[in-house]
C-alpha cells in the first residue's frame, strides 16, 4: 500500500480500511499462535499499513482543524 494512494481516500474510507487491517492483524496473530502462519512477513506489512493509515488520518484531521 502506497501513502500517495491513501491520501486520495476520504476519512471514512480510511477508517474502513483501518478496521479491515486490524482484523487481518488479529487473524495473523491467531495463526501464528496456533502455528499455522506461513507468511510471517505479512505481519510486518500489515502493522506498517496500519501505521500509514493512522498517519494519513491524523494529517487529514490536522488539516481540517487548521482550516477552521
PDB file of N, CA and C in Angstrom:
ATOM      1  N   UNK A   1       0.838  -1.166   0.000  1.00  0.00           N
ATOM      2  CA  UNK A   1       0.000   0.000   0.000  1.00  0.00           C
ATOM      3  C   UNK A   1       0.889   1.238   0.000  1.00  0.00           C
ATOM      4  N   UNK A   2       0.506   2.182  -0.801  1.00  0.00           N
ATOM      5  CA  UNK A   2       1.307   3.382  -1.006  1.00  0.00           C
ATOM      6  C   UNK A   2       0.667   4.553  -0.272  1.00  0.00           C
ATOM      7  N   UNK A   3       1.471   5.411   0.329  1.00  0.00           N
ATOM      8  CA  UNK A   3       0.939   6.565   1.060  1.00  0.00           C
ATOM      9  C   UNK A   3       0.210   7.517   0.128  1.00  0.00           C
ATOM     10  N   UNK A   4       0.699   7.661  -1.094  1.00  0.00           N
ATOM     11  CA  UNK A   4       0.040   8.573  -2.032  1.00  0.00           C
ATOM     12  C   UNK A   4      -1.357   8.072  -2.403  1.00  0.00           C
ATOM     13  N   UNK A   5      -1.523   6.776  -2.452  1.00  0.00           N
ATOM     14  CA  UNK A   5      -2.847   6.232  -2.771  1.00  0.00           C
ATOM     15  C   UNK A   5      -3.782   6.405  -1.576  1.00  0.00           C
ATOM     16  N   UNK A   6      -3.245   6.419  -0.369  1.00  0.00           N
ATOM     17  CA  UNK A   6      -4.075   6.636   0.815  1.00  0.00           C
ATOM     18  C   UNK A   6      -4.532   8.078   0.927  1.00  0.00           C
ATOM     19  N   UNK A   7      -3.700   9.012   0.471  1.00  0.00           N
ATOM     20  CA  UNK A   7      -4.031  10.431   0.592  1.00  0.00           C
ATOM     21  C   UNK A   7      -5.240  10.813  -0.250  1.00  0.00           C
ATOM     22  N   UNK A   8      -5.538  10.029  -1.278  1.00  0.00           N
ATOM     23  CA  UNK A   8      -6.679  10.345  -2.138  1.00  0.00           C
ATOM     24  C   UNK A   8      -7.996   9.847  -1.555  1.00  0.00           C
ATOM     25  N   UNK A   9      -7.936   9.032  -0.516  1.00  0.00           N
ATOM     26  CA  UNK A   9      -9.156   8.462   0.058  1.00  0.00           C
ATOM     27  C   UNK A   9      -9.765   9.400   1.081  1.00  0.00           C
ATOM     28  N   UNK A  10     -11.069   9.227   1.302  1.00  0.00           N
ATOM     29  CA  UNK A  10     -11.771  10.026   2.299  1.00  0.00           C
ATOM     30  C   UNK A  10     -11.505   9.435   3.683  1.00  0.00           C
ATOM     31  N   UNK A  11     -11.720  10.223   4.731  1.00  0.00           N
ATOM     32  CA  UNK A  11     -11.527   9.694   6.088  1.00  0.00           C
ATOM     33  C   UNK A  11     -12.384   8.461   6.387  1.00  0.00           C
ATOM     34  N   UNK A  12     -13.598   8.424   5.852  1.00  0.00           N
ATOM     35  CA  UNK A  12     -14.449   7.249   6.080  1.00  0.00           C
ATOM     36  C   UNK A  12     -13.853   6.002   5.429  1.00  0.00           C
ATOM     37  N   UNK A  13     -13.327   6.157   4.220  1.00  0.00           N
ATOM     38  CA  UNK A  13     -12.693   5.021   3.546  1.00  0.00           C
ATOM     39  C   UNK A  13     -11.459   4.569   4.318  1.00  0.00           C
ATOM     40  N   UNK A  14     -10.714   5.525   4.847  1.00  0.00           N
ATOM     41  CA  UNK A  14      -9.517   5.185   5.607  1.00  0.00           C
ATOM     42  C   UNK A  14      -9.882   4.444   6.894  1.00  0.00           C
ATOM     43  N   UNK A  15     -10.952   4.868   7.540  1.00  0.00           N
ATOM     44  CA  UNK A  15     -11.386   4.201   8.770  1.00  0.00           C
ATOM     45  C   UNK A  15     -11.826   2.770   8.472  1.00  0.00           C
ATOM     46  N   UNK A  16     -12.530   2.586   7.360  1.00  0.00           N
ATOM     47  CA  UNK A  16     -12.941   1.240   6.966  1.00  0.00           C
ATOM     48  C   UNK A  16     -11.724   0.364   6.690  1.00  0.00           C
ATOM     49  N   UNK A  17     -10.734   0.937   6.022  1.00  0.00           N
ATOM     50  CA  UNK A  17      -9.527   0.189   5.714  1.00  0.00           C
ATOM     51  C   UNK A  17      -8.762  -0.148   6.991  1.00  0.00           C
ATOM     52  N   UNK A  18      -8.764   0.776   7.944  1.00  0.00           N
ATOM     53  CA  UNK A  18      -8.092   0.544   9.219  1.00  0.00           C
ATOM     54  C   UNK A  18      -8.730  -0.623   9.963  1.00  0.00           C
ATOM     55  N   UNK A  19     -10.056  -0.682   9.951  1.00  0.00           N
ATOM     56  CA  UNK A  19     -10.768  -1.790  10.597  1.00  0.00           C
ATOM     57  C   UNK A  19     -10.398  -3.113   9.927  1.00  0.00           C
ATOM     58  N   UNK A  20     -10.367  -3.114   8.606  1.00  0.00           N
ATOM     59  CA  UNK A  20     -10.027  -4.335   7.871  1.00  0.00           C
ATOM     60  C   UNK A  20      -8.599  -4.786   8.168  1.00  0.00           C
ATOM     61  N   UNK A  21      -7.674  -3.836   8.238  1.00  0.00           N
ATOM     62  CA  UNK A  21      -6.282  -4.180   8.528  1.00  0.00           C
ATOM     63  C   UNK A  21      -6.130  -4.710   9.951  1.00  0.00           C
ATOM     64  N   UNK A  22      -6.861  -4.135  10.882  1.00  0.00           N
ATOM     65  CA  UNK A  22      -6.776  -4.613  12.265  1.00  0.00           C
ATOM     66  C   UNK A  22      -7.341  -6.027  12.385  1.00  0.00           C
ATOM     67  N   UNK A  23      -8.396  -6.315  11.639  1.00  0.00           N
ATOM     68  CA  UNK A  23      -8.938  -7.676  11.630  1.00  0.00           C
ATOM     69  C   UNK A  23      -7.917  -8.649  11.059  1.00  0.00           C
ATOM     70  N   UNK A  24      -7.275  -8.232   9.984  1.00  0.00           N
ATOM     71  CA  UNK A  24      -6.262  -9.091   9.374  1.00  0.00           C
ATOM     72  C   UNK A  24      -5.103  -9.320  10.338  1.00  0.00           C
ATOM     73  N   UNK A  25      -4.685  -8.273  11.049  1.00  0.00           N
ATOM     74  CA  UNK A  25      -3.596  -8.408  12.019  1.00  0.00           C
ATOM     75  C   UNK A  25      -3.988  -9.380  13.127  1.00  0.00           C
ATOM     76  N   UNK A  26      -5.231  -9.305  13.577  1.00  0.00           N
ATOM     77  CA  UNK A  26      -5.709 -10.234  14.602  1.00  0.00           C
ATOM     78  C   UNK A  26      -5.657 -11.668  14.095  1.00  0.00           C
ATOM     79  N   UNK A  27      -6.138 -11.871  12.873  1.00  0.00           N
ATOM     80  CA  UNK A  27      -6.136 -13.215  12.302  1.00  0.00           C
ATOM     81  C   UNK A  27      -4.715 -13.749  12.128  1.00  0.00           C
ATOM     82  N   UNK A  28      -3.802 -12.877  11.733  1.00  0.00           N
ATOM     83  CA  UNK A  28      -2.411 -13.296  11.579  1.00  0.00           C
ATOM     84  C   UNK A  28      -1.801 -13.674  12.925  1.00  0.00           C
ATOM     85  N   UNK A  29      -2.098 -12.897  13.962  1.00  0.00           N
ATOM     86  CA  UNK A  29      -1.590 -13.232  15.304  1.00  0.00           C
ATOM     87  C   UNK A  29      -2.146 -14.573  15.771  1.00  0.00           C
ATOM     88  N   UNK A  30      -3.414 -14.804  15.476  1.00  0.00           N
ATOM     89  CA  UNK A  30      -4.040 -16.068  15.861  1.00  0.00           C
ATOM     90  C   UNK A  30      -3.393 -17.235  15.122  1.00  0.00           C
ATOM     91  N   UNK A  31      -3.141 -17.050  13.830  1.00  0.00           N
ATOM     92  CA  UNK A  31      -2.477 -18.108  13.051  1.00  0.00           C
ATOM     93  C   UNK A  31      -1.080 -18.379  13.578  1.00  0.00           C
ATOM     94  N   UNK A  32      -0.376 -17.320  13.975  1.00  0.00           N
ATOM     95  CA  UNK A  32       0.974 -17.517  14.497  1.00  0.00           C
ATOM     96  C   UNK A  32       0.941 -18.291  15.808  1.00  0.00           C
ATOM     97  N   UNK A  33      -0.036 -17.995  16.645  1.00  0.00           N
ATOM     98  CA  UNK A  33      -0.135 -18.664  17.937  1.00  0.00           C
ATOM     99  C   UNK A  33      -0.448 -20.141  17.779  1.00  0.00           C
ATOM    100  N   UNK A  34      -1.185 -20.482  16.732  1.00  0.00           N
ATOM    101  CA  UNK A  34      -1.547 -21.883  16.522  1.00  0.00           C
ATOM    102  C   UNK A  34      -0.576 -22.599  15.590  1.00  0.00           C
ATOM    103  N   UNK A  35       0.447 -21.878  15.136  1.00  0.00           N
ATOM    104  CA  UNK A  35       1.453 -22.497  14.281  1.00  0.00           C
ATOM    105  C   UNK A  35       1.040 -22.673  12.841  1.00  0.00           C
ATOM    106  N   UNK A  36       0.037 -21.949  12.388  1.00  0.00           N
ATOM    107  CA  UNK A  36      -0.468 -22.097  11.027  1.00  0.00           C
ATOM    108  C   UNK A  36       0.009 -20.984  10.087  1.00  0.00           C
ATOM    109  N   UNK A  37       0.727 -20.012  10.620  1.00  0.00           N
ATOM    110  CA  UNK A  37       1.146 -18.876   9.812  1.00  0.00           C
ATOM    111  C   UNK A  37       2.289 -19.277   8.891  1.00  0.00           C
ATOM    112  N   UNK A  38       2.094 -19.033   7.584  1.00  0.00           N
ATOM    113  CA  UNK A  38       3.114 -19.400   6.607  1.00  0.00           C
ATOM    114  C   UNK A  38       3.949 -18.191   6.199  1.00  0.00           C
ATOM    115  N   UNK A  39       3.291 -17.061   5.976  1.00  0.00           N
ATOM    116  CA  UNK A  39       3.998 -15.861   5.513  1.00  0.00           C
ATOM    117  C   UNK A  39       4.166 -14.899   6.693  1.00  0.00           C
ATOM    118  N   UNK A  40       5.262 -15.029   7.407  1.00  0.00           N
ATOM    119  CA  UNK A  40       5.470 -14.198   8.596  1.00  0.00           C
ATOM    120  C   UNK A  40       5.728 -12.739   8.236  1.00  0.00           C
ATOM    121  N   UNK A  41       6.209 -12.468   7.044  1.00  0.00           N
ATOM    122  CA  UNK A  41       6.469 -11.096   6.626  1.00  0.00           C
ATOM    123  C   UNK A  41       5.170 -10.304   6.492  1.00  0.00           C
ATOM    124  N   UNK A  42       4.059 -10.990   6.309  1.00  0.00           N
ATOM    125  CA  UNK A  42       2.773 -10.304   6.161  1.00  0.00           C
ATOM    126  C   UNK A  42       2.403  -9.558   7.448  1.00  0.00           C
ATOM    127  N   UNK A  43       2.797 -10.101   8.598  1.00  0.00           N
ATOM    128  CA  UNK A  43       2.501  -9.430   9.868  1.00  0.00           C
ATOM    129  C   UNK A  43       3.148  -8.043   9.908  1.00  0.00           C
ATOM    130  N   UNK A  44       4.395  -7.976   9.494  1.00  0.00           N
ATOM    131  CA  UNK A  44       5.116  -6.706   9.480  1.00  0.00           C
ATOM    132  C   UNK A  44       4.469  -5.732   8.498  1.00  0.00           C
ATOM    133  N   UNK A  45       4.097  -6.232   7.333  1.00  0.00           N
ATOM    134  CA  UNK A  45       3.488  -5.377   6.315  1.00  0.00           C
ATOM    135  C   UNK A  45       2.148  -4.815   6.800  1.00  0.00           C
ATOM    136  N   UNK A  46       1.364  -5.648   7.443  1.00  0.00           N
ATOM    137  CA  UNK A  46       0.057  -5.195   7.938  1.00  0.00           C
ATOM    138  C   UNK A  46       0.245  -4.156   9.040  1.00  0.00           C
ATOM    139  N   UNK A  47       1.200  -4.405   9.928  1.00  0.00           N
ATOM    140  CA  UNK A  47       1.467  -3.464  11.007  1.00  0.00           C
ATOM    141  C   UNK A  47       1.878  -2.099  10.450  1.00  0.00           C
ATOM    142  N   UNK A  48       2.690  -2.106   9.427  1.00  0.00           N
ATOM    143  CA  UNK A  48       3.132  -0.855   8.811  1.00  0.00           C
ATOM    144  C   UNK A  48       1.998  -0.180   8.045  1.00  0.00           C
ATOM    145  N   UNK A  49       1.132  -0.971   7.412  1.00  0.00           N
ATOM    146  CA  UNK A  49      -0.012  -0.398   6.721  1.00  0.00           C
ATOM    147  C   UNK A  49      -0.953   0.286   7.713  1.00  0.00           C
ATOM    148  N   UNK A  50      -1.139  -0.326   8.882  1.00  0.00           N
ATOM    149  CA  UNK A  50      -1.967   0.284   9.924  1.00  0.00           C
ATOM    150  C   UNK A  50      -1.366   1.635  10.314  1.00  0.00           C
ATOM    151  N   UNK A  51      -0.063   1.669  10.494  1.00  0.00           N
ATOM    152  CA  UNK A  51       0.609   2.914  10.866  1.00  0.00           C
ATOM    153  C   UNK A  51       0.443   3.968   9.772  1.00  0.00           C
ATOM    154  N   UNK A  52       0.539   3.563   8.513  1.00  0.00           N
ATOM    155  CA  UNK A  52       0.369   4.513   7.404  1.00  0.00           C
ATOM    156  C   UNK A  52      -1.036   5.112   7.405  1.00  0.00           C
ATOM    157  N   UNK A  53      -2.030   4.245   7.578  1.00  0.00           N
ATOM    158  CA  UNK A  53      -3.418   4.711   7.569  1.00  0.00           C
ATOM    159  C   UNK A  53      -3.645   5.683   8.729  1.00  0.00           C
ATOM    160  N   UNK A  54      -3.142   5.330   9.907  1.00  0.00           N
ATOM    161  CA  UNK A  54      -3.313   6.215  11.063  1.00  0.00           C
ATOM    162  C   UNK A  54      -2.625   7.558  10.844  1.00  0.00           C
ATOM    163  N   UNK A  55      -1.456   7.532  10.237  1.00  0.00           N
ATOM    164  CA  UNK A  55      -0.723   8.771   9.974  1.00  0.00           C
ATOM    165  C   UNK A  55      -1.505   9.671   9.029  1.00  0.00           C
ATOM    166  N   UNK A  56      -2.037   9.101   7.959  1.00  0.00           N
ATOM    167  CA  UNK A  56      -2.801   9.892   6.989  1.00  0.00           C
ATOM    168  C   UNK A  56      -4.074  10.434   7.638  1.00  0.00           C
ATOM    169  N   UNK A  57      -4.737   9.629   8.468  1.00  0.00           N
ATOM    170  CA  UNK A  57      -5.939  10.100   9.167  1.00  0.00           C
ATOM    171  C   UNK A  57      -5.607  11.281  10.072  1.00  0.00           C
ATOM    172  N   UNK A  58      -4.500  11.191  10.795  1.00  0.00           N
ATOM    173  CA  UNK A  58      -4.104  12.287  11.673  1.00  0.00           C
ATOM    174  C   UNK A  58      -3.746  13.537  10.877  1.00  0.00           C
ATOM    175  N   UNK A  59      -3.100  13.351   9.730  1.00  0.00           N
ATOM    176  CA  UNK A  59      -2.773  14.501   8.889  1.00  0.00           C
ATOM    177  C   UNK A  59      -4.038  15.182   8.380  1.00  0.00           C
ATOM    178  N   UNK A  60      -5.014  14.374   7.957  1.00  0.00           N
ATOM    179  CA  UNK A  60      -6.260  14.941   7.456  1.00  0.00           C
ATOM    180  C   UNK A  60      -7.012  15.664   8.575  1.00  0.00           C
ATOM    181  N   UNK A  61      -6.973  15.115   9.780  1.00  0.00           N
ATOM    182  CA  UNK A  61      -7.630  15.760  10.916  1.00  0.00           C
ATOM    183  C   UNK A  61      -6.952  17.081  11.251  1.00  0.00           C
ATOM    184  N   UNK A  62      -5.626  17.112  11.181  1.00  0.00           N
ATOM    185  CA  UNK A  62      -4.898  18.354  11.460  1.00  0.00           C
ATOM    186  C   UNK A  62      -5.198  19.409  10.400  1.00  0.00           C
ATOM    187  N   UNK A  63      -5.293  18.990   9.143  1.00  0.00           N
ATOM    188  CA  UNK A  63      -5.621  19.926   8.066  1.00  0.00           C
ATOM    189  C   UNK A  63      -7.029  20.513   8.268  1.00  0.00           C
ATOM    190  N   UNK A  64      -7.953  19.634   8.677  1.00  0.00           N
ATOM    191  CA  UNK A  64      -9.325  20.098   8.893  1.00  0.00           C
ATOM    192  C   UNK A  64      -9.383  21.072  10.064  1.00  0.00           C
ATOM    193  N   UNK A  65      -8.619  20.810  11.109  1.00  0.00           N
ATOM    194  CA  UNK A  65      -8.603  21.697  12.272  1.00  0.00           C
ATOM    195  C   UNK A  65      -7.937  23.029  11.928  1.00  0.00           C
ATOM    196  N   UNK A  66      -6.923  22.991  11.090  1.00  0.00           N
ATOM    197  CA  UNK A  66      -6.225  24.210  10.722  1.00  0.00           C
ATOM    198  C   UNK A  66      -7.068  25.101   9.804  1.00  0.00           C
ATOM    199  N   UNK A  67      -7.904  24.489   9.003  1.00  0.00           N
ATOM    200  CA  UNK A  67      -8.715  25.265   8.065  1.00  0.00           C
ATOM    201  C   UNK A  67      -9.913  25.928   8.752  1.00  0.00           C
ATOM    202  N   UNK A  68     -10.248  25.478   9.941  1.00  0.00           N
ATOM    203  CA  UNK A  68     -11.396  26.081  10.665  1.00  0.00           C
ATOM    204  C   UNK A  68     -10.978  27.217  11.525  1.00  0.00           C
TER     205      UNK A  68
END
